[in-house]
C-alpha atoms as a PDB file:
ATOM      1  CA  MET A   1     -29.500   4.529  -9.247  1.00  0.00           C
ATOM      2  CA  SER A   2     -26.862   5.305  -7.772  1.00  0.00           C
ATOM      3  CA  HIS A   3     -24.159   5.545  -9.352  1.00  0.00           C
ATOM      4  CA  HIS A   4     -21.833   5.083  -6.102  1.00  0.00           C
ATOM      5  CA  TYR A   5     -22.302   2.151  -5.776  1.00  0.00           C
ATOM      6  CA  LEU A   6     -20.029  -1.158  -6.183  1.00  0.00           C
ATOM      7  CA  GLU A   7     -20.739  -5.047  -6.616  1.00  0.00           C
ATOM      8  CA  PHE A   8     -19.143  -8.576  -6.323  1.00  0.00           C
ATOM      9  CA  ARG A   9     -20.990 -11.426  -8.368  1.00  0.00           C
ATOM     10  CA  ASN A  10     -20.078 -14.722  -6.903  1.00  0.00           C
ATOM     11  CA  VAL A  11     -15.794 -13.742  -7.643  1.00  0.00           C
ATOM     12  CA  ARG A  12     -13.262 -16.111  -7.351  1.00  0.00           C
ATOM     13  CA  TYR A  13      -9.902 -15.775  -7.915  1.00  0.00           C
ATOM     14  CA  ARG A  14      -7.249 -17.829  -8.194  1.00  0.00           C
ATOM     15  CA  TYR A  15      -3.633 -17.399  -8.237  1.00  0.00           C
ATOM     16  CA  PRO A  16      -0.931 -18.449 -10.600  1.00  0.00           C
ATOM     17  CA  GLY A  17      -0.534 -22.192  -9.604  1.00  0.00           C
ATOM     18  CA  GLY A  18      -4.005 -22.357  -8.600  1.00  0.00           C
ATOM     19  CA  GLN A  19      -4.585 -20.965  -5.471  1.00  0.00           C
ATOM     20  CA  GLU A  20      -7.880 -20.272  -4.648  1.00  0.00           C
ATOM     21  CA  ALA A  21      -8.168 -16.317  -2.964  1.00  0.00           C
ATOM     22  CA  LEU A  22     -11.391 -15.391  -3.197  1.00  0.00           C
ATOM     23  CA  CYS A  23     -14.244 -18.630  -2.524  1.00  0.00           C
ATOM     24  CA  GLY A  24     -17.414 -17.124  -4.053  1.00  0.00           C
ATOM     25  CA  ILE A  25     -17.003 -13.685  -2.886  1.00  0.00           C
ATOM     26  CA  SER A  26     -20.756 -12.448  -3.321  1.00  0.00           C
ATOM     27  CA  LEU A  27     -21.506  -8.704  -1.660  1.00  0.00           C
ATOM     28  CA  ARG A  28     -23.418  -4.813  -2.505  1.00  0.00           C
ATOM     29  CA  ILE A  29     -21.897  -1.793  -0.980  1.00  0.00           C
ATOM     30  CA  THR A  30     -24.312   1.318  -1.752  1.00  0.00           C
ATOM     31  CA  HIS A  31     -24.353   4.561  -2.175  1.00  0.00           C
ATOM     32  CA  GLY A  32     -22.725   6.486   1.007  1.00  0.00           C
ATOM     33  CA  GLU A  33     -22.027   3.268   3.206  1.00  0.00           C
ATOM     34  CA  LYS A  34     -19.148   3.242   5.488  1.00  0.00           C
ATOM     35  CA  VAL A  35     -17.978  -0.567   5.118  1.00  0.00           C
ATOM     36  CA  ALA A  36     -14.832  -2.500   7.218  1.00  0.00           C
ATOM     37  CA  LEU A  37     -13.589  -5.369   5.966  1.00  0.00           C
ATOM     38  CA  ALA A  38     -11.642  -7.570   8.756  1.00  0.00           C
ATOM     39  CA  GLY A  39     -10.166 -11.065   8.654  1.00  0.00           C
ATOM     40  CA  VAL A  40      -6.562 -12.196  10.057  1.00  0.00           C
ATOM     41  CA  ASN A  41      -4.721 -12.175   7.372  1.00  0.00           C
ATOM     42  CA  GLY A  42      -3.908 -14.394   4.933  1.00  0.00           C
ATOM     43  CA  ALA A  43      -8.047 -13.758   4.813  1.00  0.00           C
ATOM     44  CA  GLY A  44      -8.810 -12.513   1.002  1.00  0.00           C
ATOM     45  CA  LYS A  45      -9.039  -8.848   2.677  1.00  0.00           C
ATOM     46  CA  SER A  46      -6.190  -7.243   0.295  1.00  0.00           C
ATOM     47  CA  THR A  47      -7.384  -9.449  -3.054  1.00  0.00           C
ATOM     48  CA  LEU A  48     -10.895  -8.509  -2.770  1.00  0.00           C
ATOM     49  CA  LEU A  49      -9.654  -4.797  -2.912  1.00  0.00           C
ATOM     50  CA  LEU A  50      -7.340  -5.564  -5.895  1.00  0.00           C
ATOM     51  CA  HIS A  51     -10.723  -6.880  -7.606  1.00  0.00           C
ATOM     52  CA  THR A  52     -12.419  -3.055  -6.961  1.00  0.00           C
ATOM     53  CA  ASP A  53     -10.735  -1.294  -9.254  1.00  0.00           C
ATOM     54  CA  GLY A  54      -9.081  -3.643 -11.959  1.00  0.00           C
ATOM     55  CA  LEU A  55      -6.270  -4.432 -10.150  1.00  0.00           C
ATOM     56  CA  LEU A  56      -6.858  -8.603 -10.727  1.00  0.00           C
ATOM     57  CA  MET A  57      -9.258  -9.468 -12.528  1.00  0.00           C
ATOM     58  CA  PRO A  58     -12.159 -12.271 -11.374  1.00  0.00           C
ATOM     59  CA  SER A  59     -11.201 -15.828 -12.503  1.00  0.00           C
ATOM     60  CA  GLU A  60     -15.239 -16.351 -12.016  1.00  0.00           C
ATOM     61  CA  GLY A  61     -18.357 -13.727 -11.263  1.00  0.00           C
ATOM     62  CA  GLU A  62     -18.577 -10.035 -11.641  1.00  0.00           C
ATOM     63  CA  VAL A  63     -17.594  -6.960 -10.240  1.00  0.00           C
ATOM     64  CA  ILE A  64     -19.648  -3.886 -11.319  1.00  0.00           C
ATOM     65  CA  VAL A  65     -19.520  -0.585 -10.682  1.00  0.00           C
ATOM     66  CA  GLY A  66     -21.843   2.195 -10.920  1.00  0.00           C
ATOM     67  CA  GLY A  67     -23.486  -0.082 -13.459  1.00  0.00           C
ATOM     68  CA  VAL A  68     -20.875  -0.829 -15.041  1.00  0.00           C
ATOM     69  CA  THR A  69     -19.340  -4.376 -15.379  1.00  0.00           C
ATOM     70  CA  LEU A  70     -15.784  -4.429 -14.491  1.00  0.00           C
ATOM     71  CA  ARG A  71     -13.673  -5.451 -17.888  1.00  0.00           C
ATOM     72  CA  ARG A  72     -10.649  -4.723 -19.807  1.00  0.00           C
ATOM     73  CA  GLN A  73     -12.092  -2.830 -21.898  1.00  0.00           C
ATOM     74  CA  THR A  74     -14.142  -0.529 -18.846  1.00  0.00           C
ATOM     75  CA  LEU A  75     -10.638  -0.008 -16.678  1.00  0.00           C
ATOM     76  CA  ARG A  76     -10.576   3.455 -17.837  1.00  0.00           C
ATOM     77  CA  LEU A  77     -14.203   4.242 -17.151  1.00  0.00           C
ATOM     78  CA  VAL A  78     -14.094   2.333 -13.421  1.00  0.00           C
ATOM     79  CA  ARG A  79     -11.102   3.510 -12.625  1.00  0.00           C
ATOM     80  CA  GLN A  80     -12.346   7.598 -13.040  1.00  0.00           C
ATOM     81  CA  SER A  81     -14.547   6.086 -10.389  1.00  0.00           C
ATOM     82  CA  VAL A  82     -12.831   4.586  -7.676  1.00  0.00           C
ATOM     83  CA  GLY A  83     -10.264   5.401  -5.549  1.00  0.00           C
ATOM     84  CA  VAL A  84      -7.759   2.989  -4.085  1.00  0.00           C
ATOM     85  CA  VAL A  85      -5.527   4.032  -0.507  1.00  0.00           C
ATOM     86  CA  PHE A  86      -2.607   1.558  -0.894  1.00  0.00           C
ATOM     87  CA  GLN A  87      -1.604   0.700   2.813  1.00  0.00           C
ATOM     88  CA  ASN A  88       2.036   1.617   2.306  1.00  0.00           C
ATOM     89  CA  PRO A  89       1.707   5.201   0.627  1.00  0.00           C
ATOM     90  CA  ASP A  90       5.179   4.627  -0.679  1.00  0.00           C
ATOM     91  CA  ASP A  91       3.523   2.931  -2.885  1.00  0.00           C
ATOM     92  CA  GLN A  92       1.759   5.922  -3.787  1.00  0.00           C
ATOM     93  CA  LEU A  93       3.703   8.995  -3.840  1.00  0.00           C
ATOM     94  CA  PHE A  94       6.255   9.354  -6.751  1.00  0.00           C
ATOM     95  CA  MET A  95       6.706  12.084  -7.311  1.00  0.00           C
ATOM     96  CA  PRO A  96       9.346  15.326  -6.532  1.00  0.00           C
ATOM     97  CA  THR A  97       6.446  17.001  -4.703  1.00  0.00           C
ATOM     98  CA  VAL A  98       3.638  16.425  -2.883  1.00  0.00           C
ATOM     99  CA  GLU A  99       2.361  19.060  -5.131  1.00  0.00           C
ATOM    100  CA  GLU A 100       3.034  16.422  -8.391  1.00  0.00           C
ATOM    101  CA  ASP A 101       1.564  13.988  -6.316  1.00  0.00           C
ATOM    102  CA  VAL A 102      -1.583  14.607  -5.915  1.00  0.00           C
ATOM    103  CA  ALA A 103      -1.990  16.469  -9.738  1.00  0.00           C
ATOM    104  CA  PHE A 104      -0.744  13.309 -11.516  1.00  0.00           C
ATOM    105  CA  GLY A 105      -4.191  11.357 -10.750  1.00  0.00           C
ATOM    106  CA  PRO A 106      -6.247  14.842 -12.556  1.00  0.00           C
ATOM    107  CA  ALA A 107      -3.424  15.799 -14.815  1.00  0.00           C
ATOM    108  CA  ASN A 108      -3.877  12.187 -16.406  1.00  0.00           C
ATOM    109  CA  MET A 109      -7.908  12.320 -16.498  1.00  0.00           C
ATOM    110  CA  GLY A 110      -6.972  14.658 -19.503  1.00  0.00           C
ATOM    111  CA  LEU A 111      -9.213  18.089 -17.414  1.00  0.00           C
ATOM    112  CA  SER A 112      -7.738  21.456 -17.550  1.00  0.00           C
ATOM    113  CA  PRO A 113      -4.639  23.090 -15.863  1.00  0.00           C
ATOM    114  CA  ASP A 114      -7.412  25.503 -13.741  1.00  0.00           C
ATOM    115  CA  GLU A 115      -8.942  22.856 -13.127  1.00  0.00           C
ATOM    116  CA  ILE A 116      -6.288  20.505 -11.661  1.00  0.00           C
ATOM    117  CA  GLU A 117      -5.723  23.888  -9.825  1.00  0.00           C
ATOM    118  CA  ALA A 118      -8.490  23.395  -8.336  1.00  0.00           C
ATOM    119  CA  ARG A 119      -8.763  20.028  -7.842  1.00  0.00           C
ATOM    120  CA  VAL A 120      -5.120  19.758  -5.636  1.00  0.00           C
ATOM    121  CA  ALA A 121      -5.756  22.623  -3.881  1.00  0.00           C
ATOM    122  CA  ARG A 122      -9.366  21.591  -2.721  1.00  0.00           C
ATOM    123  CA  ALA A 123      -7.645  17.454  -2.036  1.00  0.00           C
ATOM    124  CA  LEU A 124      -5.316  19.592  -0.112  1.00  0.00           C
ATOM    125  CA  GLU A 125      -7.338  21.436   2.492  1.00  0.00           C
ATOM    126  CA  SER A 126      -9.168  17.916   2.836  1.00  0.00           C
ATOM    127  CA  VAL A 127      -6.745  15.765   4.588  1.00  0.00           C
ATOM    128  CA  GLY A 128      -4.879  19.067   6.104  1.00  0.00           C
ATOM    129  CA  ALA A 129      -1.932  18.960   4.239  1.00  0.00           C
ATOM    130  CA  SER A 130      -1.808  22.521   1.788  1.00  0.00           C
ATOM    131  CA  ALA A 131       1.175  23.475   3.901  1.00  0.00           C
ATOM    132  CA  LEU A 132       3.188  20.658   2.680  1.00  0.00           C
ATOM    133  CA  ARG A 133       2.146  21.840  -1.216  1.00  0.00           C
ATOM    134  CA  HIS A 134       5.527  22.246  -1.783  1.00  0.00           C
ATOM    135  CA  ARG A 135       7.598  19.613  -0.053  1.00  0.00           C
ATOM    136  CA  ALA A 136       9.482  16.428  -1.355  1.00  0.00           C
ATOM    137  CA  PRO A 137       6.999  13.542  -0.521  1.00  0.00           C
ATOM    138  CA  HIS A 138      10.828  11.561   0.963  1.00  0.00           C
ATOM    139  CA  THR A 139      10.379  13.752   4.270  1.00  0.00           C
ATOM    140  CA  LEU A 140       6.985  13.886   4.971  1.00  0.00           C
ATOM    141  CA  SER A 141       6.011  11.976   8.718  1.00  0.00           C
ATOM    142  CA  GLY A 142       3.780   8.837   8.195  1.00  0.00           C
ATOM    143  CA  GLY A 143       0.672  10.487   9.031  1.00  0.00           C
ATOM    144  CA  GLN A 144       1.938  12.745   6.448  1.00  0.00           C
ATOM    145  CA  LYS A 145       2.754  10.381   3.916  1.00  0.00           C
ATOM    146  CA  ARG A 146      -1.404   8.983   4.284  1.00  0.00           C
ATOM    147  CA  SER A 147      -2.430  12.135   3.767  1.00  0.00           C
ATOM    148  CA  VAL A 148      -1.023  12.869   1.292  1.00  0.00           C
ATOM    149  CA  ALA A 149      -1.425  10.171  -0.313  1.00  0.00           C
ATOM    150  CA  ILE A 150      -5.579   9.982   0.258  1.00  0.00           C
ATOM    151  CA  ALA A 151      -5.388  13.602  -1.075  1.00  0.00           C
ATOM    152  CA  ALA A 152      -4.353  12.325  -4.147  1.00  0.00           C
ATOM    153  CA  VAL A 153      -6.904  10.106  -4.558  1.00  0.00           C
ATOM    154  CA  LEU A 154      -9.315  12.960  -3.604  1.00  0.00           C
ATOM    155  CA  ALA A 155      -8.323  14.930  -6.169  1.00  0.00           C
ATOM    156  CA  MET A 156      -9.466  12.425  -8.518  1.00  0.00           C
ATOM    157  CA  GLU A 157     -13.199  12.896  -6.959  1.00  0.00           C
ATOM    158  CA  PRO A 158     -13.879   8.754  -6.954  1.00  0.00           C
ATOM    159  CA  SER A 159     -17.915   7.824  -6.079  1.00  0.00           C
ATOM    160  CA  VAL A 160     -16.701   4.660  -4.415  1.00  0.00           C
ATOM    161  CA  LEU A 161     -13.095   4.806  -2.108  1.00  0.00           C
ATOM    162  CA  VAL A 162     -11.392   2.067  -0.655  1.00  0.00           C
ATOM    163  CA  LEU A 163      -9.129   1.633   1.755  1.00  0.00           C
ATOM    164  CA  ASP A 164      -6.002  -0.740   3.309  1.00  0.00           C
ATOM    165  CA  GLU A 165      -4.860  -0.648   6.420  1.00  0.00           C
ATOM    166  CA  PRO A 166      -5.403   3.169   6.509  1.00  0.00           C
ATOM    167  CA  THR A 167      -4.482   3.282   9.523  1.00  0.00           C
ATOM    168  CA  ALA A 168      -1.347   0.836  10.261  1.00  0.00           C
ATOM    169  CA  ALA A 169       1.747   2.326  11.648  1.00  0.00           C
ATOM    170  CA  LEU A 170       0.613   6.198  12.935  1.00  0.00           C
ATOM    171  CA  ASP A 171       0.605   7.001  16.319  1.00  0.00           C
ATOM    172  CA  PRO A 172      -2.606   8.123  17.669  1.00  0.00           C
ATOM    173  CA  ARG A 173      -2.215  11.608  16.552  1.00  0.00           C
ATOM    174  CA  ALA A 174      -2.497  10.852  12.929  1.00  0.00           C
ATOM    175  CA  ARG A 175      -4.569   7.789  13.477  1.00  0.00           C
ATOM    176  CA  ARG A 176      -7.778  10.062  14.809  1.00  0.00           C
ATOM    177  CA  GLN A 177      -6.270  12.670  12.235  1.00  0.00           C
ATOM    178  CA  VAL A 178      -6.915  10.097   9.335  1.00  0.00           C
ATOM    179  CA  ILE A 179     -10.609   9.249  11.188  1.00  0.00           C
ATOM    180  CA  GLU A 180     -12.178  11.764  11.618  1.00  0.00           C
ATOM    181  CA  LEU A 181     -10.863  12.257   7.590  1.00  0.00           C
ATOM    182  CA  LEU A 182     -12.876   9.493   7.179  1.00  0.00           C
ATOM    183  CA  ARG A 183     -15.423  10.079   8.118  1.00  0.00           C
ATOM    184  CA  GLY A 184     -16.267  13.716   6.033  1.00  0.00           C
ATOM    185  CA  PHE A 185     -16.363  11.623   3.788  1.00  0.00           C
ATOM    186  CA  ASP A 186     -19.390  11.681   1.828  1.00  0.00           C
ATOM    187  CA  HIS A 187     -19.981   8.060  -0.775  1.00  0.00           C
ATOM    188  CA  THR A 188     -19.071   5.080  -1.095  1.00  0.00           C
ATOM    189  CA  MET A 189     -15.900   3.698   1.511  1.00  0.00           C
ATOM    190  CA  ILE A 190     -14.842   0.483   2.069  1.00  0.00           C
ATOM    191  CA  VAL A 191     -11.984  -0.652   4.770  1.00  0.00           C
ATOM    192  CA  ALA A 192      -9.983  -2.680   4.605  1.00  0.00           C
ATOM    193  CA  THR A 193      -8.227  -3.090   8.945  1.00  0.00           C
ATOM    194  CA  HIS A 194      -7.044  -4.514  11.839  1.00  0.00           C
ATOM    195  CA  ASP A 195      -7.921  -1.898  13.462  1.00  0.00           C
ATOM    196  CA  MET A 196     -10.736  -3.011  15.656  1.00  0.00           C
ATOM    197  CA  ASP A 197     -11.141   0.474  17.055  1.00  0.00           C
ATOM    198  CA  MET A 198     -11.708   2.366  14.171  1.00  0.00           C
ATOM    199  CA  ILE A 199     -14.540   0.194  12.601  1.00  0.00           C
ATOM    200  CA  GLY A 200     -16.623   0.252  16.063  1.00  0.00           C
ATOM    201  CA  GLU A 201     -15.689   4.880  15.504  1.00  0.00           C
ATOM    202  CA  LEU A 202     -15.788   4.484  11.310  1.00  0.00           C
ATOM    203  CA  CYS A 203     -18.343   1.948   9.940  1.00  0.00           C
ATOM    204  CA  PRO A 204     -21.946   0.950  10.560  1.00  0.00           C
ATOM    205  CA  ARG A 205     -21.504  -2.412   8.674  1.00  0.00           C
ATOM    206  CA  THR A 206     -18.878  -4.479   8.709  1.00  0.00           C
ATOM    207  CA  ILE A 207     -17.737  -8.044   6.551  1.00  0.00           C
ATOM    208  CA  VAL A 208     -16.147 -10.684   7.711  1.00  0.00           C
ATOM    209  CA  MET A 209     -13.699 -13.105   6.110  1.00  0.00           C
ATOM    210  CA  ALA A 210     -11.987 -16.005   6.356  1.00  0.00           C
ATOM    211  CA  ARG A 211     -10.492 -17.959   3.723  1.00  0.00           C
ATOM    212  CA  GLY A 212     -11.195 -16.879   1.396  1.00  0.00           C
ATOM    213  CA  ARG A 213     -14.826 -16.514   1.760  1.00  0.00           C
ATOM    214  CA  ILE A 214     -18.117 -13.902   3.190  1.00  0.00           C
ATOM    215  CA  VAL A 215     -17.984 -15.527   6.931  1.00  0.00           C
ATOM    216  CA  ALA A 216     -20.442 -12.237   8.421  1.00  0.00           C
ATOM    217  CA  ASP A 217     -22.040  -9.734   7.496  1.00  0.00           C
ATOM    218  CA  GLY A 218     -23.902  -6.917   8.593  1.00  0.00           C
ATOM    219  CA  PRO A 219     -24.210  -3.309  11.296  1.00  0.00           C
ATOM    220  CA  THR A 220     -21.335  -3.743  13.340  1.00  0.00           C
ATOM    221  CA  ARG A 221     -22.618  -3.978  16.707  1.00  0.00           C
ATOM    222  CA  GLN A 222     -24.949  -7.659  15.683  1.00  0.00           C
ATOM    223  CA  VAL A 223     -21.180  -8.294  14.022  1.00  0.00           C
ATOM    224  CA  PHE A 224     -19.671  -8.337  16.809  1.00  0.00           C
ATOM    225  CA  ALA A 225     -21.537  -9.005  19.741  1.00  0.00           C
ATOM    226  CA  ASP A 226     -20.789 -13.089  20.169  1.00  0.00           C
ATOM    227  CA  ARG A 227     -17.473 -12.737  21.002  1.00  0.00           C
ATOM    228  CA  ALA A 228     -16.934 -16.908  20.815  1.00  0.00           C
ATOM    229  CA  GLU A 229     -17.649 -16.627  17.617  1.00  0.00           C
ATOM    230  CA  VAL A 230     -15.294 -13.322  17.203  1.00  0.00           C
ATOM    231  CA  GLU A 231     -12.581 -15.263  18.813  1.00  0.00           C
ATOM    232  CA  SER A 232     -12.802 -18.457  16.792  1.00  0.00           C
ATOM    233  CA  TRP A 233     -12.611 -15.592  13.301  1.00  0.00           C
ATOM    234  CA  GLY A 234      -9.081 -14.737  15.232  1.00  0.00           C
ATOM    235  CA  LEU A 235     -10.274 -11.019  16.246  1.00  0.00           C
ATOM    236  CA  GLU A 236     -11.385  -9.083  18.962  1.00  0.00           C
ATOM    237  CA  PRO A 237     -14.372  -7.798  19.258  1.00  0.00           C
ATOM    238  CA  PRO A 238     -14.056  -2.920  19.260  1.00  0.00           C
ATOM    239  CA  ARG A 239     -13.596  -1.428  22.264  1.00  0.00           C
ATOM    240  CA  ASN A 240     -16.361   0.841  21.435  1.00  0.00           C
ATOM    241  CA  ARG A 241     -18.820  -0.965  19.075  1.00  0.00           C
END
């Protein structure tokens, strides 16, 4: 069985105070799938993403990554398989230089200096950011920061790539660059986004969430075929679905 998969089994999550943000989520994303996670603010998308590598742990149910059930004892192993890119790249870029940020993950995996150097070079090249290697992250544009944040995750060579609003606040050129980069990622990917046109361009499958539940899951064209239903979820269908 491929290790490039992600599965939720009847996952529930309650925030302190009792608010239930995930209400029995079950889904499976298999090797090589590019899956969009859509829904209005408060639907539960970000909460779900935070469960993929144990930043949040289920109140009930199971999260399974490549056959490994997420538990506190397995966090390190799971986090070697799942790479999460947060909505705000400033949450991930904290070292003095781009090179050090991209090297941080591999270094904490205990890799040799030669392997770290090779991974940094490959990751920066893959996002077209090799020329930024010695720049300070705070001097970069929004699109450059987003590319470097993705490179920092790719350097860890994850089996599953998880992204929260990867095109948010980007200008059209930077948005196109990010979409083309993600199109070339060969492994399993789940993207939470309000960018409906990106969903139509990038993701053959879409999961729609509302009030902590999955209300639709299937081929993107099929999910967005009924405009009235789509609008009832508070969404607009992609123009290029």
